[in-house]
Amino acid sequence: MSGVVPPGNSLDEVNESVSEFGADVGQGLVNLLNRISEEVAYNDAKGDNAFRLGVHDGLRFAEDAIAKLLKHHGYAAQSSPRELDV
């Protein structure tokens, strides 16, 4: 996993948020999108077994949906293509 570190242990944050809240819903979604992007990059670095590909697909679905929602409301947001995407 050359230089890729986990973005955080969500189990340590059970009573906290996984992503920082924003001043408004849009900013909160931007922060969540950034966190999902970090999770996708970390998942990519773990390899491509069937379980990882399933996790990857779920993360990418969430990333794409949030990016589309943000763009619809005028935010500059996008999800970038990655090697495992088919």
PDB file of N, CA and C in Angstrom:
ATOM      1  N   MET A   1       0.839  -1.189   0.000  1.00  0.00           N
ATOM      2  CA  MET A   1       0.000   0.000   0.000  1.00  0.00           C
ATOM      3  C   MET A   1       0.881   1.248   0.000  1.00  0.00           C
ATOM      4  N   SER A   2       1.758   1.335  -0.854  1.00  0.00           N
ATOM      5  CA  SER A   2       2.764   2.378  -0.976  1.00  0.00           C
ATOM      6  C   SER A   2       2.313   3.771  -0.551  1.00  0.00           C
ATOM      7  N   GLY A   3       2.564   4.108   0.693  1.00  0.00           N
ATOM      8  CA  GLY A   3       2.327   5.456   1.185  1.00  0.00           C
ATOM      9  C   GLY A   3       0.888   5.837   1.470  1.00  0.00           C
ATOM     10  N   VAL A   4      -0.047   4.946   1.264  1.00  0.00           N
ATOM     11  CA  VAL A   4      -1.451   5.262   1.527  1.00  0.00           C
ATOM     12  C   VAL A   4      -1.762   4.879   2.961  1.00  0.00           C
ATOM     13  N   VAL A   5      -2.285   5.819   3.711  1.00  0.00           N
ATOM     14  CA  VAL A   5      -2.629   5.566   5.113  1.00  0.00           C
ATOM     15  C   VAL A   5      -4.133   5.635   5.286  1.00  0.00           C
ATOM     16  N   PRO A   6      -4.661   4.899   6.264  1.00  0.00           N
ATOM     17  CA  PRO A   6      -6.107   4.958   6.476  1.00  0.00           C
ATOM     18  C   PRO A   6      -6.536   6.367   6.866  1.00  0.00           C
ATOM     19  N   PRO A   7      -7.668   6.832   6.352  1.00  0.00           N
ATOM     20  CA  PRO A   7      -8.137   8.173   6.665  1.00  0.00           C
ATOM     21  C   PRO A   7      -8.645   8.332   8.086  1.00  0.00           C
ATOM     22  N   GLY A   8      -8.785   7.272   8.810  1.00  0.00           N
ATOM     23  CA  GLY A   8      -9.271   7.343  10.185  1.00  0.00           C
ATOM     24  C   GLY A   8     -10.001   6.065  10.522  1.00  0.00           C
ATOM     25  N   ASN A   9     -10.039   5.737  11.775  1.00  0.00           N
ATOM     26  CA  ASN A   9     -10.741   4.545  12.222  1.00  0.00           C
ATOM     27  C   ASN A   9     -12.126   4.959  12.689  1.00  0.00           C
ATOM     28  N   SER A  10     -13.120   4.627  11.904  1.00  0.00           N
ATOM     29  CA  SER A  10     -14.492   5.020  12.231  1.00  0.00           C
ATOM     30  C   SER A  10     -14.958   4.397  13.542  1.00  0.00           C
ATOM     31  N   LEU A  11     -14.376   3.255  13.935  1.00  0.00           N
ATOM     32  CA  LEU A  11     -14.767   2.630  15.187  1.00  0.00           C
ATOM     33  C   LEU A  11     -14.358   3.489  16.383  1.00  0.00           C
ATOM     34  N   ASP A  12     -13.299   4.284  16.225  1.00  0.00           N
ATOM     35  CA  ASP A  12     -12.883   5.193  17.297  1.00  0.00           C
ATOM     36  C   ASP A  12     -13.811   6.392  17.403  1.00  0.00           C
ATOM     37  N   GLU A  13     -14.651   6.572  16.398  1.00  0.00           N
ATOM     38  CA  GLU A  13     -15.479   7.770  16.316  1.00  0.00           C
ATOM     39  C   GLU A  13     -16.961   7.439  16.383  1.00  0.00           C
ATOM     40  N   VAL A  14     -17.314   6.396  17.091  1.00  0.00           N
ATOM     41  CA  VAL A  14     -18.712   5.957  17.136  1.00  0.00           C
ATOM     42  C   VAL A  14     -19.633   7.083  17.588  1.00  0.00           C
ATOM     43  N   ASN A  15     -19.211   7.858  18.557  1.00  0.00           N
ATOM     44  CA  ASN A  15     -20.047   8.948  19.064  1.00  0.00           C
ATOM     45  C   ASN A  15     -19.697  10.290  18.437  1.00  0.00           C
ATOM     46  N   GLU A  16     -18.861  10.278  17.426  1.00  0.00           N
ATOM     47  CA  GLU A  16     -18.463  11.495  16.726  1.00  0.00           C
ATOM     48  C   GLU A  16     -18.851  11.355  15.255  1.00  0.00           C
ATOM     49  N   SER A  17     -18.595  12.382  14.498  1.00  0.00           N
ATOM     50  CA  SER A  17     -18.879  12.288  13.063  1.00  0.00           C
ATOM     51  C   SER A  17     -17.653  11.751  12.329  1.00  0.00           C
ATOM     52  N   VAL A  18     -17.874  11.079  11.236  1.00  0.00           N
ATOM     53  CA  VAL A  18     -16.781  10.577  10.405  1.00  0.00           C
ATOM     54  C   VAL A  18     -16.201  11.720   9.592  1.00  0.00           C
ATOM     55  N   SER A  19     -17.010  12.709   9.291  1.00  0.00           N
ATOM     56  CA  SER A  19     -16.599  13.870   8.523  1.00  0.00           C
ATOM     57  C   SER A  19     -16.953  15.122   9.314  1.00  0.00           C
ATOM     58  N   GLU A  20     -16.144  16.150   9.155  1.00  0.00           N
ATOM     59  CA  GLU A  20     -16.438  17.419   9.835  1.00  0.00           C
ATOM     60  C   GLU A  20     -17.751  18.007   9.305  1.00  0.00           C
ATOM     61  N   PHE A  21     -18.530  18.559  10.203  1.00  0.00           N
ATOM     62  CA  PHE A  21     -19.743  19.244   9.790  1.00  0.00           C
ATOM     63  C   PHE A  21     -19.362  20.537   9.089  1.00  0.00           C
ATOM     64  N   GLY A  22     -20.197  20.995   8.201  1.00  0.00           N
ATOM     65  CA  GLY A  22     -19.957  22.256   7.524  1.00  0.00           C
ATOM     66  C   GLY A  22     -20.885  23.326   8.062  1.00  0.00           C
ATOM     67  N   ALA A  23     -20.644  24.562   7.644  1.00  0.00           N
ATOM     68  CA  ALA A  23     -21.497  25.669   8.054  1.00  0.00           C
ATOM     69  C   ALA A  23     -22.891  25.512   7.466  1.00  0.00           C
ATOM     70  N   ASP A  24     -22.983  24.816   6.345  1.00  0.00           N
ATOM     71  CA  ASP A  24     -24.269  24.531   5.728  1.00  0.00           C
ATOM     72  C   ASP A  24     -24.255  23.094   5.213  1.00  0.00           C
ATOM     73  N   VAL A  25     -25.385  22.655   4.712  1.00  0.00           N
ATOM     74  CA  VAL A  25     -25.493  21.277   4.239  1.00  0.00           C
ATOM     75  C   VAL A  25     -24.503  21.018   3.108  1.00  0.00           C
ATOM     76  N   GLY A  26     -24.386  21.970   2.193  1.00  0.00           N
ATOM     77  CA  GLY A  26     -23.467  21.800   1.068  1.00  0.00           C
ATOM     78  C   GLY A  26     -22.037  21.599   1.522  1.00  0.00           C
ATOM     79  N   GLN A  27     -21.581  22.412   2.455  1.00  0.00           N
ATOM     80  CA  GLN A  27     -20.214  22.276   2.936  1.00  0.00           C
ATOM     81  C   GLN A  27     -20.031  20.959   3.684  1.00  0.00           C
ATOM     82  N   GLY A  28     -21.041  20.543   4.414  1.00  0.00           N
ATOM     83  CA  GLY A  28     -20.979  19.245   5.078  1.00  0.00           C
ATOM     84  C   GLY A  28     -20.843  18.116   4.069  1.00  0.00           C
ATOM     85  N   LEU A  29     -21.572  18.208   2.951  1.00  0.00           N
ATOM     86  CA  LEU A  29     -21.475  17.188   1.903  1.00  0.00           C
ATOM     87  C   LEU A  29     -20.117  17.232   1.205  1.00  0.00           C
ATOM     88  N   VAL A  30     -19.557  18.426   1.026  1.00  0.00           N
ATOM     89  CA  VAL A  30     -18.212  18.534   0.451  1.00  0.00           C
ATOM     90  C   VAL A  30     -17.215  17.814   1.353  1.00  0.00           C
ATOM     91  N   ASN A  31     -17.327  18.024   2.657  1.00  0.00           N
ATOM     92  CA  ASN A  31     -16.437  17.354   3.606  1.00  0.00           C
ATOM     93  C   ASN A  31     -16.628  15.842   3.564  1.00  0.00           C
ATOM     94  N   LEU A  32     -17.885  15.391   3.470  1.00  0.00           N
ATOM     95  CA  LEU A  32     -18.164  13.964   3.380  1.00  0.00           C
ATOM     96  C   LEU A  32     -17.606  13.385   2.085  1.00  0.00           C
ATOM     97  N   LEU A  33     -17.760  14.113   0.979  1.00  0.00           N
ATOM     98  CA  LEU A  33     -17.219  13.670  -0.302  1.00  0.00           C
ATOM     99  C   LEU A  33     -15.702  13.508  -0.214  1.00  0.00           C
ATOM    100  N   ASN A  34     -15.037  14.444   0.433  1.00  0.00           N
ATOM    101  CA  ASN A  34     -13.588  14.343   0.602  1.00  0.00           C
ATOM    102  C   ASN A  34     -13.224  13.098   1.408  1.00  0.00           C
ATOM    103  N   ARG A  35     -13.978  12.824   2.463  1.00  0.00           N
ATOM    104  CA  ARG A  35     -13.697  11.637   3.285  1.00  0.00           C
ATOM    105  C   ARG A  35     -13.928  10.350   2.486  1.00  0.00           C
ATOM    106  N   ILE A  36     -14.996  10.299   1.710  1.00  0.00           N
ATOM    107  CA  ILE A  36     -15.262   9.122   0.886  1.00  0.00           C
ATOM    108  C   ILE A  36     -14.140   8.932  -0.131  1.00  0.00           C
ATOM    109  N   SER A  37     -13.655  10.016  -0.719  1.00  0.00           N
ATOM    110  CA  SER A  37     -12.548   9.929  -1.680  1.00  0.00           C
ATOM    111  C   SER A  37     -11.305   9.345  -1.028  1.00  0.00           C
ATOM    112  N   GLU A  38     -11.039   9.738   0.221  1.00  0.00           N
ATOM    113  CA  GLU A  38      -9.900   9.177   0.959  1.00  0.00           C
ATOM    114  C   GLU A  38     -10.104   7.684   1.197  1.00  0.00           C
ATOM    115  N   GLU A  39     -11.332   7.294   1.533  1.00  0.00           N
ATOM    116  CA  GLU A  39     -11.636   5.884   1.766  1.00  0.00           C
ATOM    117  C   GLU A  39     -11.469   5.062   0.479  1.00  0.00           C
ATOM    118  N   VAL A  40     -11.901   5.622  -0.661  1.00  0.00           N
ATOM    119  CA  VAL A  40     -11.764   4.926  -1.938  1.00  0.00           C
ATOM    120  C   VAL A  40     -10.281   4.730  -2.264  1.00  0.00           C
ATOM    121  N   ALA A  41      -9.483   5.773  -2.081  1.00  0.00           N
ATOM    122  CA  ALA A  41      -8.045   5.667  -2.358  1.00  0.00           C
ATOM    123  C   ALA A  41      -7.397   4.616  -1.468  1.00  0.00           C
ATOM    124  N   TYR A  42      -7.772   4.583  -0.206  1.00  0.00           N
ATOM    125  CA  TYR A  42      -7.219   3.596   0.713  1.00  0.00           C
ATOM    126  C   TYR A  42      -7.662   2.188   0.320  1.00  0.00           C
ATOM    127  N   ASN A  43      -8.922   2.043  -0.042  1.00  0.00           N
ATOM    128  CA  ASN A  43      -9.437   0.742  -0.474  1.00  0.00           C
ATOM    129  C   ASN A  43      -8.724   0.274  -1.746  1.00  0.00           C
ATOM    130  N   ASP A  44      -8.468   1.194  -2.679  1.00  0.00           N
ATOM    131  CA  ASP A  44      -7.735   0.855  -3.903  1.00  0.00           C
ATOM    132  C   ASP A  44      -6.375   0.248  -3.572  1.00  0.00           C
ATOM    133  N   ALA A  45      -5.717   0.808  -2.581  1.00  0.00           N
ATOM    134  CA  ALA A  45      -4.367   0.377  -2.239  1.00  0.00           C
ATOM    135  C   ALA A  45      -4.345  -1.014  -1.614  1.00  0.00           C
ATOM    136  N   LYS A  46      -5.482  -1.507  -1.144  1.00  0.00           N
ATOM    137  CA  LYS A  46      -5.540  -2.811  -0.480  1.00  0.00           C
ATOM    138  C   LYS A  46      -5.601  -3.978  -1.453  1.00  0.00           C
ATOM    139  N   GLY A  47      -5.878  -3.723  -2.708  1.00  0.00           N
ATOM    140  CA  GLY A  47      -5.943  -4.814  -3.670  1.00  0.00           C
ATOM    141  C   GLY A  47      -7.317  -4.951  -4.277  1.00  0.00           C
ATOM    142  N   ASP A  48      -7.488  -6.036  -5.029  1.00  0.00           N
ATOM    143  CA  ASP A  48      -8.728  -6.155  -5.796  1.00  0.00           C
ATOM    144  C   ASP A  48      -9.431  -7.499  -5.605  1.00  0.00           C
ATOM    145  N   ASN A  49      -9.428  -8.039  -4.388  1.00  0.00           N
ATOM    146  CA  ASN A  49     -10.193  -9.269  -4.178  1.00  0.00           C
ATOM    147  C   ASN A  49     -11.692  -8.954  -4.205  1.00  0.00           C
ATOM    148  N   ALA A  50     -12.511  -9.964  -4.247  1.00  0.00           N
ATOM    149  CA  ALA A  50     -13.958  -9.771  -4.427  1.00  0.00           C
ATOM    150  C   ALA A  50     -14.564  -8.872  -3.352  1.00  0.00           C
ATOM    151  N   PHE A  51     -14.149  -9.057  -2.091  1.00  0.00           N
ATOM    152  CA  PHE A  51     -14.689  -8.228  -1.018  1.00  0.00           C
ATOM    153  C   PHE A  51     -14.310  -6.767  -1.238  1.00  0.00           C
ATOM    154  N   ARG A  52     -13.055  -6.516  -1.551  1.00  0.00           N
ATOM    155  CA  ARG A  52     -12.593  -5.137  -1.765  1.00  0.00           C
ATOM    156  C   ARG A  52     -13.321  -4.498  -2.933  1.00  0.00           C
ATOM    157  N   LEU A  53     -13.548  -5.259  -3.998  1.00  0.00           N
ATOM    158  CA  LEU A  53     -14.258  -4.698  -5.143  1.00  0.00           C
ATOM    159  C   LEU A  53     -15.681  -4.324  -4.771  1.00  0.00           C
ATOM    160  N   GLY A  54     -16.322  -5.119  -3.920  1.00  0.00           N
ATOM    161  CA  GLY A  54     -17.670  -4.787  -3.465  1.00  0.00           C
ATOM    162  C   GLY A  54     -17.691  -3.525  -2.626  1.00  0.00           C
ATOM    163  N   VAL A  55     -16.729  -3.406  -1.729  1.00  0.00           N
ATOM    164  CA  VAL A  55     -16.613  -2.188  -0.916  1.00  0.00           C
ATOM    165  C   VAL A  55     -16.338  -1.000  -1.826  1.00  0.00           C
ATOM    166  N   HIS A  56     -15.436  -1.191  -2.766  1.00  0.00           N
ATOM    167  CA  HIS A  56     -15.076  -0.136  -3.707  1.00  0.00           C
ATOM    168  C   HIS A  56     -16.309   0.354  -4.471  1.00  0.00           C
ATOM    169  N   ASP A  57     -17.109  -0.588  -4.968  1.00  0.00           N
ATOM    170  CA  ASP A  57     -18.307  -0.210  -5.717  1.00  0.00           C
ATOM    171  C   ASP A  57     -19.257   0.626  -4.864  1.00  0.00           C
ATOM    172  N   GLY A  58     -19.443   0.221  -3.607  1.00  0.00           N
ATOM    173  CA  GLY A  58     -20.321   0.971  -2.715  1.00  0.00           C
ATOM    174  C   GLY A  58     -19.804   2.371  -2.439  1.00  0.00           C
ATOM    175  N   LEU A  59     -18.508   2.474  -2.207  1.00  0.00           N
ATOM    176  CA  LEU A  59     -17.911   3.789  -1.956  1.00  0.00           C
ATOM    177  C   LEU A  59     -18.006   4.680  -3.190  1.00  0.00           C
ATOM    178  N   ARG A  60     -17.737   4.096  -4.351  1.00  0.00           N
ATOM    179  CA  ARG A  60     -17.798   4.886  -5.584  1.00  0.00           C
ATOM    180  C   ARG A  60     -19.227   5.344  -5.864  1.00  0.00           C
ATOM    181  N   PHE A  61     -20.215   4.494  -5.590  1.00  0.00           N
ATOM    182  CA  PHE A  61     -21.607   4.883  -5.776  1.00  0.00           C
ATOM    183  C   PHE A  61     -21.919   6.095  -4.905  1.00  0.00           C
ATOM    184  N   ALA A  62     -21.516   6.040  -3.630  1.00  0.00           N
ATOM    185  CA  ALA A  62     -21.763   7.157  -2.711  1.00  0.00           C
ATOM    186  C   ALA A  62     -21.025   8.406  -3.168  1.00  0.00           C
ATOM    187  N   GLU A  63     -19.773   8.242  -3.590  1.00  0.00           N
ATOM    188  CA  GLU A  63     -18.983   9.385  -4.053  1.00  0.00           C
ATOM    189  C   GLU A  63     -19.635  10.048  -5.262  1.00  0.00           C
ATOM    190  N   ASP A  64     -20.036   9.245  -6.238  1.00  0.00           N
ATOM    191  CA  ASP A  64     -20.673   9.791  -7.444  1.00  0.00           C
ATOM    192  C   ASP A  64     -21.994  10.486  -7.123  1.00  0.00           C
ATOM    193  N   ALA A  65     -22.798   9.881  -6.240  1.00  0.00           N
ATOM    194  CA  ALA A  65     -24.095  10.460  -5.895  1.00  0.00           C
ATOM    195  C   ALA A  65     -23.926  11.805  -5.195  1.00  0.00           C
ATOM    196  N   ILE A  66     -23.002  11.886  -4.268  1.00  0.00           N
ATOM    197  CA  ILE A  66     -22.780  13.152  -3.549  1.00  0.00           C
ATOM    198  C   ILE A  66     -22.230  14.212  -4.498  1.00  0.00           C
ATOM    199  N   ALA A  67     -21.303  13.831  -5.377  1.00  0.00           N
ATOM    200  CA  ALA A  67     -20.749  14.789  -6.337  1.00  0.00           C
ATOM    201  C   ALA A  67     -21.843  15.333  -7.256  1.00  0.00           C
ATOM    202  N   LYS A  68     -22.721  14.462  -7.737  1.00  0.00           N
ATOM    203  CA  LYS A  68     -23.818  14.913  -8.609  1.00  0.00           C
ATOM    204  C   LYS A  68     -24.764  15.851  -7.862  1.00  0.00           C
ATOM    205  N   LEU A  69     -25.083  15.524  -6.630  1.00  0.00           N
ATOM    206  CA  LEU A  69     -25.957  16.369  -5.821  1.00  0.00           C
ATOM    207  C   LEU A  69     -25.340  17.749  -5.619  1.00  0.00           C
ATOM    208  N   LEU A  70     -24.058  17.769  -5.282  1.00  0.00           N
ATOM    209  CA  LEU A  70     -23.379  19.045  -5.073  1.00  0.00           C
ATOM    210  C   LEU A  70     -23.330  19.868  -6.354  1.00  0.00           C
ATOM    211  N   LYS A  71     -23.007  19.242  -7.481  1.00  0.00           N
ATOM    212  CA  LYS A  71     -22.953  19.960  -8.759  1.00  0.00           C
ATOM    213  C   LYS A  71     -24.315  20.553  -9.088  1.00  0.00           C
ATOM    214  N   HIS A  72     -25.365  19.794  -8.820  1.00  0.00           N
ATOM    215  CA  HIS A  72     -26.728  20.261  -9.083  1.00  0.00           C
ATOM    216  C   HIS A  72     -27.035  21.540  -8.304  1.00  0.00           C
ATOM    217  N   HIS A  73     -26.421  21.692  -7.145  1.00  0.00           N
ATOM    218  CA  HIS A  73     -26.657  22.865  -6.309  1.00  0.00           C
ATOM    219  C   HIS A  73     -25.548  23.912  -6.422  1.00  0.00           C
ATOM    220  N   GLY A  74     -24.729  23.811  -7.474  1.00  0.00           N
ATOM    221  CA  GLY A  74     -23.774  24.863  -7.777  1.00  0.00           C
ATOM    222  C   GLY A  74     -22.399  24.737  -7.138  1.00  0.00           C
ATOM    223  N   TYR A  75     -22.109  23.614  -6.497  1.00  0.00           N
ATOM    224  CA  TYR A  75     -20.782  23.417  -5.914  1.00  0.00           C
ATOM    225  C   TYR A  75     -19.853  22.795  -6.948  1.00  0.00           C
ATOM    226  N   ALA A  76     -18.585  23.146  -6.874  1.00  0.00           N
ATOM    227  CA  ALA A  76     -17.578  22.514  -7.727  1.00  0.00           C
ATOM    228  C   ALA A  76     -17.194  21.197  -7.069  1.00  0.00           C
ATOM    229  N   ALA A  77     -17.710  20.104  -7.573  1.00  0.00           N
ATOM    230  CA  ALA A  77     -17.438  18.795  -6.983  1.00  0.00           C
ATOM    231  C   ALA A  77     -17.379  17.760  -8.085  1.00  0.00           C
ATOM    232  N   GLN A  78     -16.497  16.807  -7.920  1.00  0.00           N
ATOM    233  CA  GLN A  78     -16.421  15.712  -8.886  1.00  0.00           C
ATOM    234  C   GLN A  78     -15.769  14.507  -8.233  1.00  0.00           C
ATOM    235  N   SER A  79     -16.055  13.361  -8.813  1.00  0.00           N
ATOM    236  CA  SER A  79     -15.348  12.156  -8.420  1.00  0.00           C
ATOM    237  C   SER A  79     -14.455  11.805  -9.602  1.00  0.00           C
ATOM    238  N   SER A  80     -13.242  11.435  -9.292  1.00  0.00           N
ATOM    239  CA  SER A  80     -12.299  11.165 -10.381  1.00  0.00           C
ATOM    240  C   SER A  80     -12.200   9.686 -10.675  1.00  0.00           C
ATOM    241  N   PRO A  81     -11.952   9.332 -11.933  1.00  0.00           N
ATOM    242  CA  PRO A  81     -11.818   7.921 -12.297  1.00  0.00           C
ATOM    243  C   PRO A  81     -10.598   7.305 -11.614  1.00  0.00           C
ATOM    244  N   ARG A  82     -10.705   6.050 -11.270  1.00  0.00           N
ATOM    245  CA  ARG A  82      -9.601   5.341 -10.629  1.00  0.00           C
ATOM    246  C   ARG A  82      -9.351   4.038 -11.357  1.00  0.00           C
ATOM    247  N   GLU A  83      -8.190   3.476 -11.116  1.00  0.00           N
ATOM    248  CA  GLU A  83      -7.741   2.281 -11.813  1.00  0.00           C
ATOM    249  C   GLU A  83      -8.726   1.112 -11.723  1.00  0.00           C
ATOM    250  N   LEU A  84      -9.353   0.905 -10.567  1.00  0.00           N
ATOM    251  CA  LEU A  84     -10.239  -0.243 -10.399  1.00  0.00           C
ATOM    252  C   LEU A  84     -11.599  -0.054 -11.047  1.00  0.00           C
ATOM    253  N   ASP A  85     -11.935   1.163 -11.456  1.00  0.00           N
ATOM    254  CA  ASP A  85     -13.232   1.396 -12.073  1.00  0.00           C
ATOM    255  C   ASP A  85     -13.298   0.667 -13.407  1.00  0.00           C
ATOM    256  N   VAL A  86     -14.443   0.087 -13.672  1.00  0.00           N
ATOM    257  CA  VAL A  86     -14.606  -0.654 -14.913  1.00  0.00           C
ATOM    258  C   VAL A  86     -15.701  -0.018 -15.739  1.00  0.00           C
TER     259      VAL A  86
END
